[in-house]
Amino acid sequence: MLVAGFPAGSFATNCYVVAPAAGEECVVIDPGQDATDGVEEILREHRLKPVAVILTHGHLDHVWSVAPVCGARDVPAFIHPDDRDLLSDPAKGFGVTSAQLFGGLTLSEPDDVRELSDGAVLELAGLELTVDHAPGHTPGSVTFRTPFEDVQVMFSGDLLFAGSIGRTDLPGGDHQAILRSLARVCLPLPDETVVLPGHGPQTTIGRERVSNPYMSDLAPSEGPGRGF
């Protein structure tokens, strides 16, 4: 599997391009601020053809470039329905008016938006991506899991970072909900699961299980079928 990523824009939000191999179809995950050029560079370098953009949640720093990326390649965007309104009203996620957000920045939905559900398995670009609804950072936050050789990779969005978790003090945030999501979505996974977060460096479930202060006191709760 090919995973290429880069921190996009002033928020340094990790945008990922994922494909079975170079020269194949791919998916784009979380194209944030000024991500368009970085995505196009990866597509050219690895000779990739995008078939979808998939979004871990609706915050502006993760969806800023979704419409231009989708429009340039005529591909759909996937987002959980609880965050869909943020695609066209990004100010809502920050508790401000549109006029207060980056000098009146406005965004619009891509032409083709499809909604994600908990436990769904997306078969895109020769990949199998399992969706886990993980509210807390936002109501519609999700993670994506996919197998890679003898381990699995989780794209955790802003649920889980190396040494930390997503903030819950913005509109729609809920600290107890994010703790429940960590217990249900993350803790049942094998220690060797590679975590590719929305910000910062990659980590593993095993490392976070023992060193992340937000996870060390949590017990795993029964979640959806692990899938692999």
C-alpha atoms as a PDB file:
ATOM      1  CA  MET A   1       0.000   0.000   0.000  1.00  0.00           C
ATOM      2  CA  LEU A   2       1.169   3.509  -0.823  1.00  0.00           C
ATOM      3  CA  VAL A   3       0.472   6.269   1.715  1.00  0.00           C
ATOM      4  CA  ALA A   4       1.771   9.763   0.956  1.00  0.00           C
ATOM      5  CA  GLY A   5       0.979  12.662   3.233  1.00  0.00           C
ATOM      6  CA  PHE A   6       1.865  16.255   3.973  1.00  0.00           C
ATOM      7  CA  PRO A   7       0.859  18.944   6.515  1.00  0.00           C
ATOM      8  CA  ALA A   8      -1.418  21.401   4.732  1.00  0.00           C
ATOM      9  CA  GLY A   9      -1.790  25.102   5.410  1.00  0.00           C
ATOM     10  CA  SER A  10      -1.388  27.173   8.536  1.00  0.00           C
ATOM     11  CA  PHE A  11      -3.138  24.483  10.612  1.00  0.00           C
ATOM     12  CA  ALA A  12      -0.577  21.821   9.524  1.00  0.00           C
ATOM     13  CA  THR A  13      -3.399  19.362   8.966  1.00  0.00           C
ATOM     14  CA  ASN A  14      -2.195  16.030   7.636  1.00  0.00           C
ATOM     15  CA  CYS A  15      -3.629  15.316   4.194  1.00  0.00           C
ATOM     16  CA  TYR A  16      -3.129  11.753   2.979  1.00  0.00           C
ATOM     17  CA  VAL A  17      -3.272  10.126  -0.442  1.00  0.00           C
ATOM     18  CA  VAL A  18      -3.722   6.347  -0.236  1.00  0.00           C
ATOM     19  CA  ALA A  19      -3.462   3.762  -3.014  1.00  0.00           C
ATOM     20  CA  PRO A  20      -2.699   0.053  -3.405  1.00  0.00           C
ATOM     21  CA  ALA A  21       0.479   1.010  -5.315  1.00  0.00           C
ATOM     22  CA  ALA A  22       1.951   3.610  -7.642  1.00  0.00           C
ATOM     23  CA  GLY A  23       0.108   3.903 -10.947  1.00  0.00           C
ATOM     24  CA  GLU A  24      -3.223   2.880  -9.409  1.00  0.00           C
ATOM     25  CA  GLU A  25      -6.433   4.560  -8.278  1.00  0.00           C
ATOM     26  CA  CYS A  26      -6.346   6.323  -4.926  1.00  0.00           C
ATOM     27  CA  VAL A  27      -8.384   8.134  -2.277  1.00  0.00           C
ATOM     28  CA  VAL A  28      -7.599  11.515  -0.745  1.00  0.00           C
ATOM     29  CA  ILE A  29      -8.146  11.983   2.988  1.00  0.00           C
ATOM     30  CA  ASP A  30      -8.784  15.424   4.552  1.00  0.00           C
ATOM     31  CA  PRO A  31      -7.593  17.981   1.986  1.00  0.00           C
ATOM     32  CA  GLY A  32      -7.262  21.048   4.198  1.00  0.00           C
ATOM     33  CA  GLN A  33      -6.120  24.616   3.675  1.00  0.00           C
ATOM     34  CA  ASP A  34      -4.080  25.087   0.477  1.00  0.00           C
ATOM     35  CA  ALA A  35      -3.920  21.320  -0.036  1.00  0.00           C
ATOM     36  CA  THR A  36      -4.743  21.325  -3.745  1.00  0.00           C
ATOM     37  CA  ASP A  37      -1.198  21.779  -5.034  1.00  0.00           C
ATOM     38  CA  GLY A  38       0.206  19.183  -2.628  1.00  0.00           C
ATOM     39  CA  VAL A  39      -2.403  16.641  -3.696  1.00  0.00           C
ATOM     40  CA  GLU A  40      -1.697  17.277  -7.380  1.00  0.00           C
ATOM     41  CA  GLU A  41       2.036  16.881  -6.806  1.00  0.00           C
ATOM     42  CA  ILE A  42       1.538  13.472  -5.179  1.00  0.00           C
ATOM     43  CA  LEU A  43      -0.818  12.373  -7.958  1.00  0.00           C
ATOM     44  CA  ARG A  44       1.755  13.291 -10.610  1.00  0.00           C
ATOM     45  CA  GLU A  45       4.703  11.802  -8.751  1.00  0.00           C
ATOM     46  CA  HIS A  46       3.030   8.436  -8.215  1.00  0.00           C
ATOM     47  CA  ARG A  47       0.821   8.420 -11.345  1.00  0.00           C
ATOM     48  CA  LEU A  48      -2.354   8.109  -9.303  1.00  0.00           C
ATOM     49  CA  LYS A  49      -5.997   8.601 -10.238  1.00  0.00           C
ATOM     50  CA  PRO A  50      -8.274   9.728  -7.362  1.00  0.00           C
ATOM     51  CA  VAL A  51     -11.714   8.156  -7.124  1.00  0.00           C
ATOM     52  CA  ALA A  52     -12.949   9.807  -3.903  1.00  0.00           C
ATOM     53  CA  VAL A  53     -12.203  12.244  -1.106  1.00  0.00           C
ATOM     54  CA  ILE A  54     -12.995  10.895   2.352  1.00  0.00           C
ATOM     55  CA  LEU A  55     -13.252  13.139   5.398  1.00  0.00           C
ATOM     56  CA  THR A  56     -12.636  12.304   9.044  1.00  0.00           C
ATOM     57  CA  HIS A  57     -14.774  15.275  10.129  1.00  0.00           C
ATOM     58  CA  GLY A  58     -16.074  18.632   8.982  1.00  0.00           C
ATOM     59  CA  HIS A  59     -13.756  21.178  10.574  1.00  0.00           C
ATOM     60  CA  LEU A  60     -12.441  23.794   8.180  1.00  0.00           C
ATOM     61  CA  ASP A  61      -8.812  22.729   8.503  1.00  0.00           C
ATOM     62  CA  HIS A  62      -9.744  19.289   7.172  1.00  0.00           C
ATOM     63  CA  VAL A  63     -12.249  20.222   4.441  1.00  0.00           C
ATOM     64  CA  TRP A  64     -10.977  23.586   3.132  1.00  0.00           C
ATOM     65  CA  SER A  65      -9.958  22.189  -0.282  1.00  0.00           C
ATOM     66  CA  VAL A  66     -12.498  19.395  -0.657  1.00  0.00           C
ATOM     67  CA  ALA A  67     -14.634  21.158  -3.281  1.00  0.00           C
ATOM     68  CA  PRO A  68     -11.735  22.108  -5.600  1.00  0.00           C
ATOM     69  CA  VAL A  69     -10.107  18.672  -5.268  1.00  0.00           C
ATOM     70  CA  CYS A  70     -13.396  16.902  -6.013  1.00  0.00           C
ATOM     71  CA  GLY A  71     -14.299  19.332  -8.791  1.00  0.00           C
ATOM     72  CA  ALA A  72     -10.964  19.069 -10.562  1.00  0.00           C
ATOM     73  CA  ARG A  73     -11.241  15.283 -10.768  1.00  0.00           C
ATOM     74  CA  ASP A  74     -15.059  14.873 -10.771  1.00  0.00           C
ATOM     75  CA  VAL A  75     -15.049  12.575  -7.738  1.00  0.00           C
ATOM     76  CA  PRO A  76     -17.403  12.305  -4.726  1.00  0.00           C
ATOM     77  CA  ALA A  77     -16.734  13.357  -1.148  1.00  0.00           C
ATOM     78  CA  PHE A  78     -17.680  11.147   1.809  1.00  0.00           C
ATOM     79  CA  ILE A  79     -18.556  12.624   5.228  1.00  0.00           C
ATOM     80  CA  HIS A  80     -20.659  11.616   8.226  1.00  0.00           C
ATOM     81  CA  PRO A  81     -24.131  13.221   8.118  1.00  0.00           C
ATOM     82  CA  ASP A  82     -23.654  14.829  11.542  1.00  0.00           C
ATOM     83  CA  ASP A  83     -20.852  16.994  10.100  1.00  0.00           C
ATOM     84  CA  ARG A  84     -22.178  17.522   6.592  1.00  0.00           C
ATOM     85  CA  ASP A  85     -23.478  21.035   7.305  1.00  0.00           C
ATOM     86  CA  LEU A  86     -19.912  22.164   8.044  1.00  0.00           C
ATOM     87  CA  LEU A  87     -19.016  21.732   4.376  1.00  0.00           C
ATOM     88  CA  SER A  88     -21.084  24.790   3.491  1.00  0.00           C
ATOM     89  CA  ASP A  89     -21.079  26.544   6.884  1.00  0.00           C
ATOM     90  CA  PRO A  90     -17.533  26.178   8.247  1.00  0.00           C
ATOM     91  CA  ALA A  91     -18.003  29.031  10.729  1.00  0.00           C
ATOM     92  CA  LYS A  92     -20.458  26.858  12.660  1.00  0.00           C
ATOM     93  CA  GLY A  93     -17.601  24.652  13.796  1.00  0.00           C
ATOM     94  CA  PHE A  94     -15.860  27.588  15.448  1.00  0.00           C
ATOM     95  CA  GLY A  95     -18.840  29.371  16.988  1.00  0.00           C
ATOM     96  CA  VAL A  96     -18.408  32.501  14.861  1.00  0.00           C
ATOM     97  CA  THR A  97     -20.227  34.083  11.936  1.00  0.00           C
ATOM     98  CA  SER A  98     -19.122  33.630   8.358  1.00  0.00           C
ATOM     99  CA  ALA A  99     -18.072  37.286   8.267  1.00  0.00           C
ATOM    100  CA  GLN A 100     -15.702  36.666  11.190  1.00  0.00           C
ATOM    101  CA  LEU A 101     -14.078  33.603   9.622  1.00  0.00           C
ATOM    102  CA  PHE A 102     -10.975  34.412   7.571  1.00  0.00           C
ATOM    103  CA  GLY A 103     -12.420  37.678   6.311  1.00  0.00           C
ATOM    104  CA  GLY A 104     -15.726  36.213   5.220  1.00  0.00           C
ATOM    105  CA  LEU A 105     -14.463  32.935   3.739  1.00  0.00           C
ATOM    106  CA  THR A 106     -17.260  30.850   2.233  1.00  0.00           C
ATOM    107  CA  LEU A 107     -17.171  27.224   1.159  1.00  0.00           C
ATOM    108  CA  SER A 108     -19.610  25.061  -0.755  1.00  0.00           C
ATOM    109  CA  GLU A 109     -20.346  21.371  -0.946  1.00  0.00           C
ATOM    110  CA  PRO A 110     -18.871  19.370  -3.800  1.00  0.00           C
ATOM    111  CA  ASP A 111     -21.410  18.344  -6.407  1.00  0.00           C
ATOM    112  CA  ASP A 112     -21.467  14.749  -5.162  1.00  0.00           C
ATOM    113  CA  VAL A 113     -21.556  14.208  -1.384  1.00  0.00           C
ATOM    114  CA  ARG A 114     -22.136  10.751   0.095  1.00  0.00           C
ATOM    115  CA  GLU A 115     -22.770  10.034   3.752  1.00  0.00           C
ATOM    116  CA  LEU A 116     -20.793   7.672   5.969  1.00  0.00           C
ATOM    117  CA  SER A 117     -22.231   5.361   8.617  1.00  0.00           C
ATOM    118  CA  ASP A 118     -20.706   3.519  11.538  1.00  0.00           C
ATOM    119  CA  GLY A 119     -19.301   0.148  10.543  1.00  0.00           C
ATOM    120  CA  ALA A 120     -19.616   0.772   6.813  1.00  0.00           C
ATOM    121  CA  VAL A 121     -16.925  -0.742   4.617  1.00  0.00           C
ATOM    122  CA  LEU A 122     -15.888   1.440   1.694  1.00  0.00           C
ATOM    123  CA  GLU A 123     -14.438  -0.406  -1.278  1.00  0.00           C
ATOM    124  CA  LEU A 124     -12.620   2.327  -3.145  1.00  0.00           C
ATOM    125  CA  ALA A 125      -9.533   2.307  -5.368  1.00  0.00           C
ATOM    126  CA  GLY A 126      -8.842  -1.334  -4.565  1.00  0.00           C
ATOM    127  CA  LEU A 127      -8.821  -0.521  -0.839  1.00  0.00           C
ATOM    128  CA  GLU A 128     -11.135  -1.697   1.908  1.00  0.00           C
ATOM    129  CA  LEU A 129     -11.741   1.064   4.452  1.00  0.00           C
ATOM    130  CA  THR A 130     -13.823   0.423   7.559  1.00  0.00           C
ATOM    131  CA  VAL A 131     -15.597   3.449   9.008  1.00  0.00           C
ATOM    132  CA  ASP A 132     -15.913   3.860  12.778  1.00  0.00           C
ATOM    133  CA  HIS A 133     -18.071   6.723  14.042  1.00  0.00           C
ATOM    134  CA  ALA A 134     -16.075   8.421  16.817  1.00  0.00           C
ATOM    135  CA  PRO A 135     -17.909  11.511  18.119  1.00  0.00           C
ATOM    136  CA  GLY A 136     -16.445  13.874  20.675  1.00  0.00           C
ATOM    137  CA  HIS A 137     -14.210  16.225  18.713  1.00  0.00           C
ATOM    138  CA  THR A 138     -17.201  16.832  16.458  1.00  0.00           C
ATOM    139  CA  PRO A 139     -20.538  14.996  16.348  1.00  0.00           C
ATOM    140  CA  GLY A 140     -19.681  13.444  12.986  1.00  0.00           C
ATOM    141  CA  SER A 141     -16.041  12.499  13.526  1.00  0.00           C
ATOM    142  CA  VAL A 142     -15.032   9.137  12.064  1.00  0.00           C
ATOM    143  CA  THR A 143     -11.889   7.071  11.638  1.00  0.00           C
ATOM    144  CA  PHE A 144     -10.904   4.867   8.718  1.00  0.00           C
ATOM    145  CA  ARG A 145      -9.154   1.508   9.112  1.00  0.00           C
ATOM    146  CA  THR A 146      -7.530  -0.524   6.367  1.00  0.00           C
ATOM    147  CA  PRO A 147      -5.363  -3.672   6.426  1.00  0.00           C
ATOM    148  CA  PHE A 148      -1.727  -3.448   5.368  1.00  0.00           C
ATOM    149  CA  GLU A 149       0.259  -6.689   5.192  1.00  0.00           C
ATOM    150  CA  ASP A 150       0.015  -8.185   8.707  1.00  0.00           C
ATOM    151  CA  VAL A 151      -1.079  -5.000  10.504  1.00  0.00           C
ATOM    152  CA  GLN A 152      -3.764  -2.414  10.018  1.00  0.00           C
ATOM    153  CA  VAL A 153      -3.580   1.326   9.568  1.00  0.00           C
ATOM    154  CA  MET A 154      -5.993   3.760  11.200  1.00  0.00           C
ATOM    155  CA  PHE A 155      -6.530   7.276   9.902  1.00  0.00           C
ATOM    156  CA  SER A 156      -7.670   8.792  13.179  1.00  0.00           C
ATOM    157  CA  GLY A 157      -8.473  12.373  12.198  1.00  0.00           C
ATOM    158  CA  ASP A 158      -8.645  14.462  15.355  1.00  0.00           C
ATOM    159  CA  LEU A 159      -9.761  11.625  17.614  1.00  0.00           C
ATOM    160  CA  LEU A 160      -6.280  10.460  18.597  1.00  0.00           C
ATOM    161  CA  PHE A 161      -2.844  12.079  18.286  1.00  0.00           C
ATOM    162  CA  ALA A 162       0.595  10.999  19.445  1.00  0.00           C
ATOM    163  CA  GLY A 163       0.406  11.797  23.150  1.00  0.00           C
ATOM    164  CA  SER A 164      -2.906  13.625  23.030  1.00  0.00           C
ATOM    165  CA  ILE A 165      -6.475  13.728  21.684  1.00  0.00           C
ATOM    166  CA  GLY A 166      -8.643  16.184  19.805  1.00  0.00           C
ATOM    167  CA  ARG A 167      -9.934  19.303  21.531  1.00  0.00           C
ATOM    168  CA  THR A 168     -13.525  19.291  22.737  1.00  0.00           C
ATOM    169  CA  ASP A 169     -14.057  22.972  23.556  1.00  0.00           C
ATOM    170  CA  LEU A 170     -15.420  23.985  20.132  1.00  0.00           C
ATOM    171  CA  PRO A 171     -19.139  23.840  19.225  1.00  0.00           C
ATOM    172  CA  GLY A 172     -20.246  20.215  19.020  1.00  0.00           C
ATOM    173  CA  GLY A 173     -17.342  18.997  21.144  1.00  0.00           C
ATOM    174  CA  ASP A 174     -17.989  16.651  24.051  1.00  0.00           C
ATOM    175  CA  HIS A 175     -15.169  15.465  26.317  1.00  0.00           C
ATOM    176  CA  GLN A 176     -17.025  12.467  27.729  1.00  0.00           C
ATOM    177  CA  ALA A 177     -18.054  11.442  24.218  1.00  0.00           C
ATOM    178  CA  ILE A 178     -14.469  11.498  22.943  1.00  0.00           C
ATOM    179  CA  LEU A 179     -13.375   9.344  25.888  1.00  0.00           C
ATOM    180  CA  ARG A 180     -16.125   6.855  25.020  1.00  0.00           C
ATOM    181  CA  SER A 181     -14.971   6.897  21.392  1.00  0.00           C
ATOM    182  CA  LEU A 182     -11.379   6.205  22.417  1.00  0.00           C
ATOM    183  CA  ALA A 183     -12.543   3.263  24.543  1.00  0.00           C
ATOM    184  CA  ARG A 184     -14.802   1.859  21.838  1.00  0.00           C
ATOM    185  CA  VAL A 185     -12.876   2.604  18.645  1.00  0.00           C
ATOM    186  CA  CYS A 186      -9.189   2.665  19.612  1.00  0.00           C
ATOM    187  CA  LEU A 187      -8.529   0.543  22.683  1.00  0.00           C
ATOM    188  CA  PRO A 188      -9.873  -2.769  21.266  1.00  0.00           C
ATOM    189  CA  LEU A 189      -7.408  -2.574  18.363  1.00  0.00           C
ATOM    190  CA  PRO A 190      -4.114  -4.538  18.366  1.00  0.00           C
ATOM    191  CA  ASP A 191      -1.070  -2.745  19.768  1.00  0.00           C
ATOM    192  CA  GLU A 192       0.693  -2.838  16.404  1.00  0.00           C
ATOM    193  CA  THR A 193      -2.064  -0.840  14.678  1.00  0.00           C
ATOM    194  CA  VAL A 194      -0.419   2.157  12.988  1.00  0.00           C
ATOM    195  CA  VAL A 195      -2.188   5.453  13.708  1.00  0.00           C
ATOM    196  CA  LEU A 196      -1.940   8.228  11.124  1.00  0.00           C
ATOM    197  CA  PRO A 197      -3.507  11.265  12.827  1.00  0.00           C
ATOM    198  CA  GLY A 198      -4.935  14.518  11.576  1.00  0.00           C
ATOM    199  CA  HIS A 199      -2.041  16.483  13.070  1.00  0.00           C
ATOM    200  CA  GLY A 200       1.482  15.560  14.104  1.00  0.00           C
ATOM    201  CA  PRO A 201       3.530  12.372  13.729  1.00  0.00           C
ATOM    202  CA  GLN A 202       2.306   8.824  13.359  1.00  0.00           C
ATOM    203  CA  THR A 203       2.077   6.547  16.351  1.00  0.00           C
ATOM    204  CA  THR A 204       0.677   3.124  17.302  1.00  0.00           C
ATOM    205  CA  ILE A 205      -2.196   1.992  19.453  1.00  0.00           C
ATOM    206  CA  GLY A 206       0.244   0.169  21.740  1.00  0.00           C
ATOM    207  CA  ARG A 207       2.300   3.305  22.325  1.00  0.00           C
ATOM    208  CA  GLU A 208      -0.769   5.401  23.077  1.00  0.00           C
ATOM    209  CA  ARG A 209      -2.266   2.725  25.290  1.00  0.00           C
ATOM    210  CA  VAL A 210       0.620   3.047  27.744  1.00  0.00           C
ATOM    211  CA  SER A 211       1.791   6.652  27.306  1.00  0.00           C
ATOM    212  CA  ASN A 212      -1.197   8.786  26.323  1.00  0.00           C
ATOM    213  CA  PRO A 213      -2.614  10.359  29.515  1.00  0.00           C
ATOM    214  CA  TYR A 214      -6.120  10.393  28.045  1.00  0.00           C
ATOM    215  CA  MET A 215      -6.071   6.643  27.371  1.00  0.00           C
ATOM    216  CA  SER A 216      -4.111   5.191  30.262  1.00  0.00           C
ATOM    217  CA  ASP A 217      -7.101   5.114  32.630  1.00  0.00           C
ATOM    218  CA  LEU A 218      -9.626   3.919  30.055  1.00  0.00           C
ATOM    219  CA  ALA A 219     -10.791   0.344  29.677  1.00  0.00           C
ATOM    220  CA  PRO A 220     -11.708  -0.996  26.231  1.00  0.00           C
ATOM    221  CA  SER A 221     -15.427  -1.129  25.574  1.00  0.00           C
ATOM    222  CA  GLU A 222     -17.151  -3.394  23.138  1.00  0.00           C
ATOM    223  CA  GLY A 223     -17.256  -1.758  19.751  1.00  0.00           C
ATOM    224  CA  PRO A 224     -18.110  -2.761  16.190  1.00  0.00           C
ATOM    225  CA  GLY A 225     -16.549  -5.836  14.651  1.00  0.00           C
ATOM    226  CA  ARG A 226     -12.890  -5.149  14.171  1.00  0.00           C
ATOM    227  CA  GLY A 227     -13.058  -6.350  10.581  1.00  0.00           C
ATOM    228  CA  PHE A 228      -9.515  -7.715  10.242  1.00  0.00           C
END
